Amino acid sequence: MADQHPGSLKSAHGPFSVYRLSPAVKDFLAGAAGGVAGIIAGQPLDVVRVRLQQKSSCTKSLASMWQLIVRQEGMRSLFKGAGYPITTIAMQNAVVFYSYGVGCRWLASRDSKNTTSKEPLKLWQVYAAGTFAGLMQTAITTPTELLKIRLQLQTQLPGSPGYVGPIRLLKQVAMREGIIGLWRGTAVTLLRDWPSFGVYFAVYEGMQEVLQPGSRASKEISPLALLTAGGLAGSIAWWSVYPLDVIKSRIQASSKADSEYKGWIDCAKVSWKEEGRGVFFNGMTATVTRAFIVNAAVFSVYEFLLKLMDTEE
């Protein structure tokens, strides 16, 4: 993380040099940009993932589902639901990296050895800061993903009769289910995100050291090692909680009134009983592949912008 310094005026030139940005603001801005890069990189596979996770899915193969969607709905359909994430993922990712940075600095300030030597945080401390970030972003993630999932499950093409666009869908959910309906699935989202973001950041930091020893202390890492560490962090984090994501997608696919499930626990029980334990891994190939691509992009943009903002001060 960047060294701490106050937010004061600065006379140097450059896009980030009018103000001396605090570490928290840097995390917020770089996290927002990284999130947008990740959505653009991974949206097609996210559509495939959500379709594969549903009980109504006619195939369990990534390649087959991709071909089916393109053949029946066209290439544009692979970007269904991208509008909401692109407009909201910036805030979501900004909150994640902002919260993670706050957590890291708080833990560092209470570690006398870290304070005097500026050594990297221990991985358990990184994990703790990550779980704090996962907790803080759940309120934003839940409604964003609910709307995205319902957009992605439509088979109608944009502009055709019966297609419901993002704004209209938002209004429909608010009118039929109330504003609270946008937060359907909050409990299982929290259970998914709270531990997985700890895994996410711990794997990212740990893999940097494995791939390029000393890189955490020097803050210098090769582009290939950075891409690999970011990609593995995303894939392993998703793998660690994937069954919860399947349950969350099924819960959020329909309103409480229209759902065949009484809640997320009932969804898990019914899904297991009717489809077997393999149901909790439907779409995993698409998910971990997408996660590698997305998070390689997220961390690359995040680290690049942090370094850029530090250089210009």
C-alpha atoms as a PDB file:
ATOM      1  CA  MET A   1       0.000   0.000   0.000  1.00  0.00           C
ATOM      2  CA  ALA A   2       1.115   3.581  -0.525  1.00  0.00           C
ATOM      3  CA  ASP A   3       2.733   5.577   2.326  1.00  0.00           C
ATOM      4  CA  GLN A   4       0.368   7.696   4.354  1.00  0.00           C
ATOM      5  CA  HIS A   5       0.259  11.423   3.784  1.00  0.00           C
ATOM      6  CA  PRO A   6      -2.392  14.137   4.139  1.00  0.00           C
ATOM      7  CA  GLY A   7      -4.625  15.409   1.360  1.00  0.00           C
ATOM      8  CA  SER A   8      -3.081  18.811   0.690  1.00  0.00           C
ATOM      9  CA  LEU A   9      -2.603  21.061  -2.336  1.00  0.00           C
ATOM     10  CA  LYS A  10       0.347  20.377  -4.588  1.00  0.00           C
ATOM     11  CA  SER A  11       1.932  22.452  -7.339  1.00  0.00           C
ATOM     12  CA  ALA A  12       3.300  19.709  -9.596  1.00  0.00           C
ATOM     13  CA  HIS A  13       1.754  18.970 -12.989  1.00  0.00           C
ATOM     14  CA  GLY A  14      -0.144  15.854 -14.106  1.00  0.00           C
ATOM     15  CA  PRO A  15      -3.652  14.395 -13.853  1.00  0.00           C
ATOM     16  CA  PHE A  16      -3.185  13.385 -10.197  1.00  0.00           C
ATOM     17  CA  SER A  17      -0.946  16.229  -9.089  1.00  0.00           C
ATOM     18  CA  VAL A  18      -3.360  19.067  -8.269  1.00  0.00           C
ATOM     19  CA  TYR A  19      -3.934  17.502  -4.858  1.00  0.00           C
ATOM     20  CA  ARG A  20      -1.757  15.257  -2.762  1.00  0.00           C
ATOM     21  CA  LEU A  21      -3.987  12.226  -2.553  1.00  0.00           C
ATOM     22  CA  SER A  22      -4.257  10.203   0.628  1.00  0.00           C
ATOM     23  CA  PRO A  23      -3.669   6.424   0.450  1.00  0.00           C
ATOM     24  CA  ALA A  24      -7.413   5.861   0.995  1.00  0.00           C
ATOM     25  CA  VAL A  25      -8.358   8.053  -1.970  1.00  0.00           C
ATOM     26  CA  LYS A  26      -5.760   6.329  -4.145  1.00  0.00           C
ATOM     27  CA  ASP A  27      -7.180   2.922  -3.219  1.00  0.00           C
ATOM     28  CA  PHE A  28     -10.691   4.164  -3.991  1.00  0.00           C
ATOM     29  CA  LEU A  29      -9.822   5.575  -7.439  1.00  0.00           C
ATOM     30  CA  ALA A  30      -7.559   2.715  -8.522  1.00  0.00           C
ATOM     31  CA  GLY A  31     -10.059   0.145  -7.273  1.00  0.00           C
ATOM     32  CA  ALA A  32     -12.870   1.763  -9.250  1.00  0.00           C
ATOM     33  CA  ALA A  33     -10.861   1.714 -12.477  1.00  0.00           C
ATOM     34  CA  GLY A  34      -9.760  -1.868 -11.891  1.00  0.00           C
ATOM     35  CA  GLY A  35     -13.354  -2.963 -11.370  1.00  0.00           C
ATOM     36  CA  VAL A  36     -14.502  -1.505 -14.675  1.00  0.00           C
ATOM     37  CA  ALA A  37     -11.603  -3.193 -16.489  1.00  0.00           C
ATOM     38  CA  GLY A  38     -12.597  -6.500 -14.914  1.00  0.00           C
ATOM     39  CA  ILE A  39     -16.239  -6.253 -15.990  1.00  0.00           C
ATOM     40  CA  ILE A  40     -15.298  -5.504 -19.585  1.00  0.00           C
ATOM     41  CA  ALA A  41     -12.877  -8.447 -19.639  1.00  0.00           C
ATOM     42  CA  GLY A  42     -15.183 -11.021 -18.089  1.00  0.00           C
ATOM     43  CA  GLN A  43     -18.803 -10.211 -18.943  1.00  0.00           C
ATOM     44  CA  PRO A  44     -19.384 -12.901 -21.632  1.00  0.00           C
ATOM     45  CA  LEU A  45     -18.258 -15.712 -19.332  1.00  0.00           C
ATOM     46  CA  ASP A  46     -20.369 -14.258 -16.528  1.00  0.00           C
ATOM     47  CA  VAL A  47     -23.507 -14.590 -18.661  1.00  0.00           C
ATOM     48  CA  VAL A  48     -22.584 -18.218 -19.403  1.00  0.00           C
ATOM     49  CA  ARG A  49     -21.917 -18.869 -15.696  1.00  0.00           C
ATOM     50  CA  VAL A  50     -25.324 -17.602 -14.572  1.00  0.00           C
ATOM     51  CA  ARG A  51     -27.163 -19.600 -17.256  1.00  0.00           C
ATOM     52  CA  LEU A  52     -25.314 -22.805 -16.292  1.00  0.00           C
ATOM     53  CA  GLN A  53     -26.179 -22.361 -12.612  1.00  0.00           C
ATOM     54  CA  GLN A  54     -29.935 -22.363 -13.156  1.00  0.00           C
ATOM     55  CA  LYS A  55     -32.110 -25.430 -12.650  1.00  0.00           C
ATOM     56  CA  SER A  56     -33.601 -24.882 -16.122  1.00  0.00           C
ATOM     57  CA  SER A  57     -30.199 -25.084 -17.855  1.00  0.00           C
ATOM     58  CA  CYS A  58     -30.349 -27.524 -20.786  1.00  0.00           C
ATOM     59  CA  THR A  59     -26.583 -28.133 -20.769  1.00  0.00           C
ATOM     60  CA  LYS A  60     -23.771 -28.217 -18.221  1.00  0.00           C
ATOM     61  CA  SER A  61     -20.983 -27.526 -20.712  1.00  0.00           C
ATOM     62  CA  LEU A  62     -19.343 -24.106 -20.989  1.00  0.00           C
ATOM     63  CA  ALA A  63     -18.717 -24.474 -24.734  1.00  0.00           C
ATOM     64  CA  SER A  64     -22.229 -25.788 -25.435  1.00  0.00           C
ATOM     65  CA  MET A  65     -23.906 -23.002 -23.482  1.00  0.00           C
ATOM     66  CA  TRP A  66     -21.752 -20.365 -25.223  1.00  0.00           C
ATOM     67  CA  GLN A  67     -22.701 -21.749 -28.652  1.00  0.00           C
ATOM     68  CA  LEU A  68     -26.370 -22.010 -27.702  1.00  0.00           C
ATOM     69  CA  ILE A  69     -26.548 -18.398 -26.527  1.00  0.00           C
ATOM     70  CA  VAL A  70     -24.764 -17.052 -29.605  1.00  0.00           C
ATOM     71  CA  ARG A  71     -26.835 -19.152 -32.007  1.00  0.00           C
ATOM     72  CA  GLN A  72     -30.215 -18.286 -30.500  1.00  0.00           C
ATOM     73  CA  GLU A  73     -29.626 -14.765 -29.206  1.00  0.00           C
ATOM     74  CA  GLY A  74     -26.564 -13.387 -30.995  1.00  0.00           C
ATOM     75  CA  MET A  75     -23.171 -12.183 -29.747  1.00  0.00           C
ATOM     76  CA  ARG A  76     -24.690  -9.093 -28.126  1.00  0.00           C
ATOM     77  CA  SER A  77     -26.510 -11.306 -25.646  1.00  0.00           C
ATOM     78  CA  LEU A  78     -23.166 -12.248 -24.074  1.00  0.00           C
ATOM     79  CA  PHE A  79     -23.058  -8.696 -22.721  1.00  0.00           C
ATOM     80  CA  LYS A  80     -26.542  -8.773 -21.193  1.00  0.00           C
ATOM     81  CA  GLY A  81     -26.571  -7.180 -17.782  1.00  0.00           C
ATOM     82  CA  ALA A  82     -23.289  -5.341 -18.343  1.00  0.00           C
ATOM     83  CA  GLY A  83     -24.864  -1.906 -17.932  1.00  0.00           C
ATOM     84  CA  TYR A  84     -25.541  -2.202 -14.227  1.00  0.00           C
ATOM     85  CA  PRO A  85     -22.158  -3.675 -13.297  1.00  0.00           C
ATOM     86  CA  ILE A  86     -20.234  -1.108 -15.344  1.00  0.00           C
ATOM     87  CA  THR A  87     -22.079   1.757 -13.663  1.00  0.00           C
ATOM     88  CA  THR A  88     -21.988   0.227 -10.187  1.00  0.00           C
ATOM     89  CA  ILE A  89     -18.869  -1.977 -10.165  1.00  0.00           C
ATOM     90  CA  ALA A  90     -16.723   1.124  -9.996  1.00  0.00           C
ATOM     91  CA  MET A  91     -18.283   1.963  -6.633  1.00  0.00           C
ATOM     92  CA  GLN A  92     -18.276  -1.663  -5.482  1.00  0.00           C
ATOM     93  CA  ASN A  93     -14.619  -2.240  -6.312  1.00  0.00           C
ATOM     94  CA  ALA A  94     -13.695   1.171  -4.975  1.00  0.00           C
ATOM     95  CA  VAL A  95     -15.289   0.234  -1.645  1.00  0.00           C
ATOM     96  CA  VAL A  96     -13.483  -3.129  -1.658  1.00  0.00           C
ATOM     97  CA  PHE A  97     -10.021  -1.686  -2.219  1.00  0.00           C
ATOM     98  CA  TYR A  98     -10.688   1.339  -0.012  1.00  0.00           C
ATOM     99  CA  SER A  99     -11.841  -0.926   2.844  1.00  0.00           C
ATOM    100  CA  TYR A 100      -8.964  -3.316   2.287  1.00  0.00           C
ATOM    101  CA  GLY A 101      -6.497  -0.437   2.432  1.00  0.00           C
ATOM    102  CA  VAL A 102      -8.082   0.916   5.607  1.00  0.00           C
ATOM    103  CA  GLY A 103      -7.911  -2.536   7.170  1.00  0.00           C
ATOM    104  CA  CYS A 104      -4.259  -3.008   6.199  1.00  0.00           C
ATOM    105  CA  ARG A 105      -3.220   0.368   7.564  1.00  0.00           C
ATOM    106  CA  TRP A 106      -5.146  -0.210  10.796  1.00  0.00           C
ATOM    107  CA  LEU A 107      -3.452  -3.576  11.340  1.00  0.00           C
ATOM    108  CA  ALA A 108      -0.039  -2.142  10.442  1.00  0.00           C
ATOM    109  CA  SER A 109      -0.473   0.698  12.932  1.00  0.00           C
ATOM    110  CA  ARG A 110      -0.969  -1.864  15.709  1.00  0.00           C
ATOM    111  CA  ASP A 111       2.029  -3.961  14.767  1.00  0.00           C
ATOM    112  CA  SER A 112       5.129  -2.366  16.301  1.00  0.00           C
ATOM    113  CA  LYS A 113       7.483  -4.443  14.141  1.00  0.00           C
ATOM    114  CA  ASN A 114       5.662  -3.420  10.954  1.00  0.00           C
ATOM    115  CA  THR A 115       5.555   0.231  12.008  1.00  0.00           C
ATOM    116  CA  THR A 116       9.314   0.454  12.545  1.00  0.00           C
ATOM    117  CA  SER A 117      10.561  -1.745   9.707  1.00  0.00           C
ATOM    118  CA  LYS A 118       7.806  -1.218   7.104  1.00  0.00           C
ATOM    119  CA  GLU A 119       7.706  -4.983   6.535  1.00  0.00           C
ATOM    120  CA  PRO A 120       4.730  -6.368   4.574  1.00  0.00           C
ATOM    121  CA  LEU A 121       1.774  -7.536   6.616  1.00  0.00           C
ATOM    122  CA  LYS A 122       1.622 -11.194   7.569  1.00  0.00           C
ATOM    123  CA  LEU A 123      -0.756 -13.192   5.384  1.00  0.00           C
ATOM    124  CA  TRP A 124      -3.214 -13.715   8.250  1.00  0.00           C
ATOM    125  CA  GLN A 125      -3.390  -9.923   8.579  1.00  0.00           C
ATOM    126  CA  VAL A 126      -3.970  -9.609   4.835  1.00  0.00           C
ATOM    127  CA  TYR A 127      -6.757 -12.188   5.147  1.00  0.00           C
ATOM    128  CA  ALA A 128      -8.349 -10.230   8.008  1.00  0.00           C
ATOM    129  CA  ALA A 129      -8.255  -6.971   6.026  1.00  0.00           C
ATOM    130  CA  GLY A 130      -9.790  -8.810   3.064  1.00  0.00           C
ATOM    131  CA  THR A 131     -12.696 -10.152   5.113  1.00  0.00           C
ATOM    132  CA  PHE A 132     -13.389  -6.605   6.302  1.00  0.00           C
ATOM    133  CA  ALA A 133     -13.499  -5.459   2.660  1.00  0.00           C
ATOM    134  CA  GLY A 134     -15.884  -8.293   1.755  1.00  0.00           C
ATOM    135  CA  LEU A 135     -18.183  -7.349   4.605  1.00  0.00           C
ATOM    136  CA  MET A 136     -18.266  -3.668   3.670  1.00  0.00           C
ATOM    137  CA  GLN A 137     -19.152  -4.147  -0.009  1.00  0.00           C
ATOM    138  CA  THR A 138     -22.056  -6.581   0.435  1.00  0.00           C
ATOM    139  CA  ALA A 139     -24.687  -3.832   0.578  1.00  0.00           C
ATOM    140  CA  ILE A 140     -23.655  -2.708  -2.921  1.00  0.00           C
ATOM    141  CA  THR A 141     -23.045  -6.173  -4.379  1.00  0.00           C
ATOM    142  CA  THR A 142     -26.436  -7.678  -3.508  1.00  0.00           C
ATOM    143  CA  PRO A 143     -28.751  -5.399  -5.541  1.00  0.00           C
ATOM    144  CA  THR A 144     -26.229  -5.062  -8.362  1.00  0.00           C
ATOM    145  CA  GLU A 145     -25.955  -8.812  -8.845  1.00  0.00           C
ATOM    146  CA  LEU A 146     -29.696  -9.410  -8.447  1.00  0.00           C
ATOM    147  CA  LEU A 147     -30.458  -7.060 -11.339  1.00  0.00           C
ATOM    148  CA  LYS A 148     -27.573  -8.409 -13.416  1.00  0.00           C
ATOM    149  CA  ILE A 149     -28.700 -12.023 -12.967  1.00  0.00           C
ATOM    150  CA  ARG A 150     -32.289 -11.292 -13.986  1.00  0.00           C
ATOM    151  CA  LEU A 151     -31.116  -9.381 -17.045  1.00  0.00           C
ATOM    152  CA  GLN A 152     -28.822 -12.246 -18.035  1.00  0.00           C
ATOM    153  CA  LEU A 153     -31.557 -14.859 -17.716  1.00  0.00           C
ATOM    154  CA  GLN A 154     -33.766 -13.182 -20.316  1.00  0.00           C
ATOM    155  CA  THR A 155     -33.847 -14.951 -23.659  1.00  0.00           C
ATOM    156  CA  GLN A 156     -35.456 -12.060 -25.532  1.00  0.00           C
ATOM    157  CA  LEU A 157     -33.159  -9.842 -27.551  1.00  0.00           C
ATOM    158  CA  PRO A 158     -32.797  -6.148 -26.657  1.00  0.00           C
ATOM    159  CA  GLY A 159     -35.402  -4.151 -28.574  1.00  0.00           C
ATOM    160  CA  SER A 160     -37.707  -7.125 -29.093  1.00  0.00           C
ATOM    161  CA  PRO A 161     -41.166  -7.472 -27.511  1.00  0.00           C
ATOM    162  CA  GLY A 162     -40.954  -8.718 -23.951  1.00  0.00           C
ATOM    163  CA  TYR A 163     -37.377  -7.610 -23.334  1.00  0.00           C
ATOM    164  CA  VAL A 164     -36.971  -5.718 -20.071  1.00  0.00           C
ATOM    165  CA  GLY A 165     -34.115  -3.228 -19.982  1.00  0.00           C
ATOM    166  CA  PRO A 166     -32.063  -2.264 -16.919  1.00  0.00           C
ATOM    167  CA  ILE A 167     -34.044   0.804 -15.836  1.00  0.00           C
ATOM    168  CA  ARG A 168     -37.405  -0.867 -16.400  1.00  0.00           C
ATOM    169  CA  LEU A 169     -36.260  -3.930 -14.461  1.00  0.00           C
ATOM    170  CA  LEU A 170     -35.152  -1.765 -11.552  1.00  0.00           C
ATOM    171  CA  LYS A 171     -38.573  -0.115 -11.467  1.00  0.00           C
ATOM    172  CA  GLN A 172     -40.348  -3.475 -11.700  1.00  0.00           C
ATOM    173  CA  VAL A 173     -38.456  -4.951  -8.774  1.00  0.00           C
ATOM    174  CA  ALA A 174     -39.020  -1.848  -6.654  1.00  0.00           C
ATOM    175  CA  MET A 175     -42.749  -1.752  -7.441  1.00  0.00           C
ATOM    176  CA  ARG A 176     -43.499  -5.473  -7.105  1.00  0.00           C
ATOM    177  CA  GLU A 177     -41.134  -6.437  -4.305  1.00  0.00           C
ATOM    178  CA  GLY A 178     -40.485  -3.118  -2.638  1.00  0.00           C
ATOM    179  CA  ILE A 179     -37.071  -1.493  -2.294  1.00  0.00           C
ATOM    180  CA  ILE A 180     -36.094  -4.287   0.114  1.00  0.00           C
ATOM    181  CA  GLY A 181     -36.582  -6.737  -2.768  1.00  0.00           C
ATOM    182  CA  LEU A 182     -33.381  -5.427  -4.324  1.00  0.00           C
ATOM    183  CA  TRP A 183     -31.498  -6.907  -1.372  1.00  0.00           C
ATOM    184  CA  ARG A 184     -32.946 -10.408  -1.752  1.00  0.00           C
ATOM    185  CA  GLY A 185     -30.127 -12.875  -1.082  1.00  0.00           C
ATOM    186  CA  THR A 186     -28.158 -10.613   1.252  1.00  0.00           C
ATOM    187  CA  ALA A 187     -27.466 -13.344   3.821  1.00  0.00           C
ATOM    188  CA  VAL A 188     -25.980 -15.818   1.355  1.00  0.00           C
ATOM    189  CA  THR A 189     -24.093 -13.016  -0.434  1.00  0.00           C
ATOM    190  CA  LEU A 190     -22.513 -12.058   2.889  1.00  0.00           C
ATOM    191  CA  LEU A 191     -21.607 -15.681   3.594  1.00  0.00           C
ATOM    192  CA  ARG A 192     -19.980 -15.882   0.163  1.00  0.00           C
ATOM    193  CA  ASP A 193     -18.099 -12.580   0.201  1.00  0.00           C
ATOM    194  CA  TRP A 194     -16.928 -12.282   3.796  1.00  0.00           C
ATOM    195  CA  PRO A 195     -14.455 -15.198   3.689  1.00  0.00           C
ATOM    196  CA  SER A 196     -13.761 -15.165  -0.051  1.00  0.00           C
ATOM    197  CA  PHE A 197     -12.298 -11.672  -0.071  1.00  0.00           C
ATOM    198  CA  GLY A 198      -9.936 -12.745   2.685  1.00  0.00           C
ATOM    199  CA  VAL A 199      -8.818 -15.620   0.461  1.00  0.00           C
ATOM    200  CA  TYR A 200      -8.685 -13.247  -2.518  1.00  0.00           C
ATOM    201  CA  PHE A 201      -6.201 -10.792  -1.049  1.00  0.00           C
ATOM    202  CA  ALA A 202      -4.179 -13.407   0.865  1.00  0.00           C
ATOM    203  CA  VAL A 203      -3.639 -15.473  -2.295  1.00  0.00           C
ATOM    204  CA  TYR A 204      -2.750 -12.354  -4.281  1.00  0.00           C
ATOM    205  CA  GLU A 205      -0.104 -11.269  -1.773  1.00  0.00           C
ATOM    206  CA  GLY A 206       1.162 -14.799  -1.201  1.00  0.00           C
ATOM    207  CA  MET A 207       1.485 -15.611  -4.903  1.00  0.00           C
ATOM    208  CA  GLN A 208       3.487 -12.446  -5.512  1.00  0.00           C
ATOM    209  CA  GLU A 209       6.096 -13.730  -3.080  1.00  0.00           C
ATOM    210  CA  VAL A 210       6.037 -17.234  -4.600  1.00  0.00           C
ATOM    211  CA  LEU A 211       6.389 -15.989  -8.171  1.00  0.00           C
ATOM    212  CA  GLN A 212       8.895 -13.227  -7.413  1.00  0.00           C
ATOM    213  CA  PRO A 213      10.492 -13.483  -3.944  1.00  0.00           C
ATOM    214  CA  GLY A 214      10.984 -10.121  -2.260  1.00  0.00           C
ATOM    215  CA  SER A 215       8.405  -8.358  -4.428  1.00  0.00           C
ATOM    216  CA  ARG A 216       6.055  -7.560  -1.536  1.00  0.00           C
ATOM    217  CA  ALA A 217       8.769  -5.678   0.337  1.00  0.00           C
ATOM    218  CA  SER A 218      10.257  -3.964  -2.725  1.00  0.00           C
ATOM    219  CA  LYS A 219       6.832  -3.282  -4.310  1.00  0.00           C
ATOM    220  CA  GLU A 220       8.434  -4.182  -7.635  1.00  0.00           C
ATOM    221  CA  ILE A 221       6.906  -7.057  -9.589  1.00  0.00           C
ATOM    222  CA  SER A 222       7.014  -8.131 -13.226  1.00  0.00           C
ATOM    223  CA  PRO A 223       3.851  -7.756 -15.353  1.00  0.00           C
ATOM    224  CA  LEU A 224       3.628 -11.533 -15.846  1.00  0.00           C
ATOM    225  CA  ALA A 225       3.879 -12.248 -12.110  1.00  0.00           C
ATOM    226  CA  LEU A 226       1.284  -9.553 -11.397  1.00  0.00           C
ATOM    227  CA  LEU A 227      -1.150 -10.946 -13.969  1.00  0.00           C
ATOM    228  CA  THR A 228      -0.664 -14.476 -12.680  1.00  0.00           C
ATOM    229  CA  ALA A 229      -1.030 -13.535  -9.006  1.00  0.00           C
ATOM    230  CA  GLY A 230      -4.185 -11.528  -9.717  1.00  0.00           C
ATOM    231  CA  GLY A 231      -5.692 -14.236 -11.873  1.00  0.00           C
ATOM    232  CA  LEU A 232      -4.999 -17.003  -9.359  1.00  0.00           C
ATOM    233  CA  ALA A 233      -6.378 -14.863  -6.528  1.00  0.00           C
ATOM    234  CA  GLY A 234      -9.673 -14.508  -8.351  1.00  0.00           C
ATOM    235  CA  SER A 235      -9.932 -18.163  -9.392  1.00  0.00           C
ATOM    236  CA  ILE A 236      -9.075 -19.587  -5.969  1.00  0.00           C
ATOM    237  CA  ALA A 237     -11.346 -17.138  -4.143  1.00  0.00           C
ATOM    238  CA  TRP A 238     -14.299 -18.131  -6.331  1.00  0.00           C
ATOM    239  CA  TRP A 239     -13.488 -21.835  -6.016  1.00  0.00           C
ATOM    240  CA  SER A 240     -13.449 -21.556  -2.215  1.00  0.00           C
ATOM    241  CA  VAL A 241     -17.103 -20.458  -1.996  1.00  0.00           C
ATOM    242  CA  TYR A 242     -18.581 -21.586  -5.300  1.00  0.00           C
ATOM    243  CA  PRO A 243     -21.521 -23.639  -3.930  1.00  0.00           C
ATOM    244  CA  LEU A 244     -22.753 -20.518  -2.125  1.00  0.00           C
ATOM    245  CA  ASP A 245     -22.678 -18.613  -5.405  1.00  0.00           C
ATOM    246  CA  VAL A 246     -24.865 -21.242  -7.085  1.00  0.00           C
ATOM    247  CA  ILE A 247     -27.395 -20.929  -4.260  1.00  0.00           C
ATOM    248  CA  LYS A 248     -27.246 -17.127  -4.414  1.00  0.00           C
ATOM    249  CA  SER A 249     -27.877 -17.075  -8.157  1.00  0.00           C
ATOM    250  CA  ARG A 250     -30.934 -19.320  -7.789  1.00  0.00           C
ATOM    251  CA  ILE A 251     -32.355 -17.248  -4.940  1.00  0.00           C
ATOM    252  CA  GLN A 252     -31.871 -13.958  -6.791  1.00  0.00           C
ATOM    253  CA  ALA A 253     -33.222 -15.261 -10.119  1.00  0.00           C
ATOM    254  CA  SER A 254     -36.826 -14.652  -9.009  1.00  0.00           C
ATOM    255  CA  SER A 255     -38.821 -12.738  -6.421  1.00  0.00           C
ATOM    256  CA  LYS A 256     -39.714 -14.229  -3.053  1.00  0.00           C
ATOM    257  CA  ALA A 257     -43.323 -14.654  -4.207  1.00  0.00           C
ATOM    258  CA  ASP A 258     -42.336 -16.489  -7.409  1.00  0.00           C
ATOM    259  CA  SER A 259     -39.487 -18.565  -6.012  1.00  0.00           C
ATOM    260  CA  GLU A 260     -39.821 -22.276  -5.358  1.00  0.00           C
ATOM    261  CA  TYR A 261     -37.438 -21.869  -2.418  1.00  0.00           C
ATOM    262  CA  LYS A 262     -38.314 -20.621   1.065  1.00  0.00           C
ATOM    263  CA  GLY A 263     -34.806 -19.252   1.550  1.00  0.00           C
ATOM    264  CA  TRP A 264     -31.181 -19.981   0.808  1.00  0.00           C
ATOM    265  CA  ILE A 265     -30.981 -22.974   3.170  1.00  0.00           C
ATOM    266  CA  ASP A 266     -34.106 -24.469   1.606  1.00  0.00           C
ATOM    267  CA  CYS A 267     -32.608 -23.824  -1.828  1.00  0.00           C
ATOM    268  CA  ALA A 268     -29.504 -25.797  -0.849  1.00  0.00           C
ATOM    269  CA  LYS A 269     -31.566 -28.700   0.496  1.00  0.00           C
ATOM    270  CA  VAL A 270     -33.960 -28.879  -2.457  1.00  0.00           C
ATOM    271  CA  SER A 271     -31.189 -28.516  -5.039  1.00  0.00           C
ATOM    272  CA  TRP A 272     -29.155 -31.310  -3.414  1.00  0.00           C
ATOM    273  CA  LYS A 273     -32.196 -33.592  -3.134  1.00  0.00           C
ATOM    274  CA  GLU A 274     -33.402 -33.093  -6.708  1.00  0.00           C
ATOM    275  CA  GLU A 275     -30.129 -32.708  -8.606  1.00  0.00           C
ATOM    276  CA  GLY A 276     -27.410 -34.223  -6.431  1.00  0.00           C
ATOM    277  CA  ARG A 277     -24.291 -32.632  -4.996  1.00  0.00           C
ATOM    278  CA  GLY A 278     -22.932 -31.928  -8.474  1.00  0.00           C
ATOM    279  CA  VAL A 279     -25.459 -29.100  -8.775  1.00  0.00           C
ATOM    280  CA  PHE A 280     -23.255 -26.942  -6.555  1.00  0.00           C
ATOM    281  CA  PHE A 281     -20.509 -27.002  -9.147  1.00  0.00           C
ATOM    282  CA  ASN A 282     -22.541 -26.199 -12.272  1.00  0.00           C
ATOM    283  CA  GLY A 283     -20.754 -23.490 -14.228  1.00  0.00           C
ATOM    284  CA  MET A 284     -17.541 -23.718 -12.202  1.00  0.00           C
ATOM    285  CA  THR A 285     -15.299 -23.980 -15.275  1.00  0.00           C
ATOM    286  CA  ALA A 286     -16.776 -20.793 -16.698  1.00  0.00           C
ATOM    287  CA  THR A 287     -16.486 -19.088 -13.316  1.00  0.00           C
ATOM    288  CA  VAL A 288     -12.852 -19.867 -12.516  1.00  0.00           C
ATOM    289  CA  THR A 289     -11.803 -19.113 -16.105  1.00  0.00           C
ATOM    290  CA  ARG A 290     -13.630 -15.800 -16.004  1.00  0.00           C
ATOM    291  CA  ALA A 291     -12.227 -15.058 -12.543  1.00  0.00           C
ATOM    292  CA  PHE A 292      -8.662 -15.475 -13.765  1.00  0.00           C
ATOM    293  CA  ILE A 293      -9.189 -13.106 -16.695  1.00  0.00           C
ATOM    294  CA  VAL A 294     -11.167 -10.546 -14.682  1.00  0.00           C
ATOM    295  CA  ASN A 295      -8.832 -10.344 -11.711  1.00  0.00           C
ATOM    296  CA  ALA A 296      -5.672 -10.318 -13.782  1.00  0.00           C
ATOM    297  CA  ALA A 297      -7.175  -7.171 -15.342  1.00  0.00           C
ATOM    298  CA  VAL A 298      -8.399  -5.754 -12.007  1.00  0.00           C
ATOM    299  CA  PHE A 299      -5.072  -5.986 -10.204  1.00  0.00           C
ATOM    300  CA  SER A 300      -3.045  -4.875 -13.235  1.00  0.00           C
ATOM    301  CA  VAL A 301      -5.061  -1.664 -13.600  1.00  0.00           C
ATOM    302  CA  TYR A 302      -5.186  -1.146  -9.829  1.00  0.00           C
ATOM    303  CA  GLU A 303      -1.410  -1.480  -9.340  1.00  0.00           C
ATOM    304  CA  PHE A 304      -0.634   0.557 -12.459  1.00  0.00           C
ATOM    305  CA  LEU A 305      -2.758   3.477 -11.282  1.00  0.00           C
ATOM    306  CA  LEU A 306      -1.388   3.337  -7.735  1.00  0.00           C
ATOM    307  CA  LYS A 307       2.141   3.533  -9.102  1.00  0.00           C
ATOM    308  CA  LEU A 308       1.142   6.325 -11.489  1.00  0.00           C
ATOM    309  CA  MET A 309      -0.393   8.384  -8.689  1.00  0.00           C
ATOM    310  CA  ASP A 310       2.651   7.811  -6.468  1.00  0.00           C
ATOM    311  CA  THR A 311       5.046   8.776  -9.273  1.00  0.00           C
ATOM    312  CA  GLU A 312       3.310  12.085  -9.944  1.00  0.00           C
ATOM    313  CA  GLU A 313       3.526  13.242  -6.323  1.00  0.00           C
END
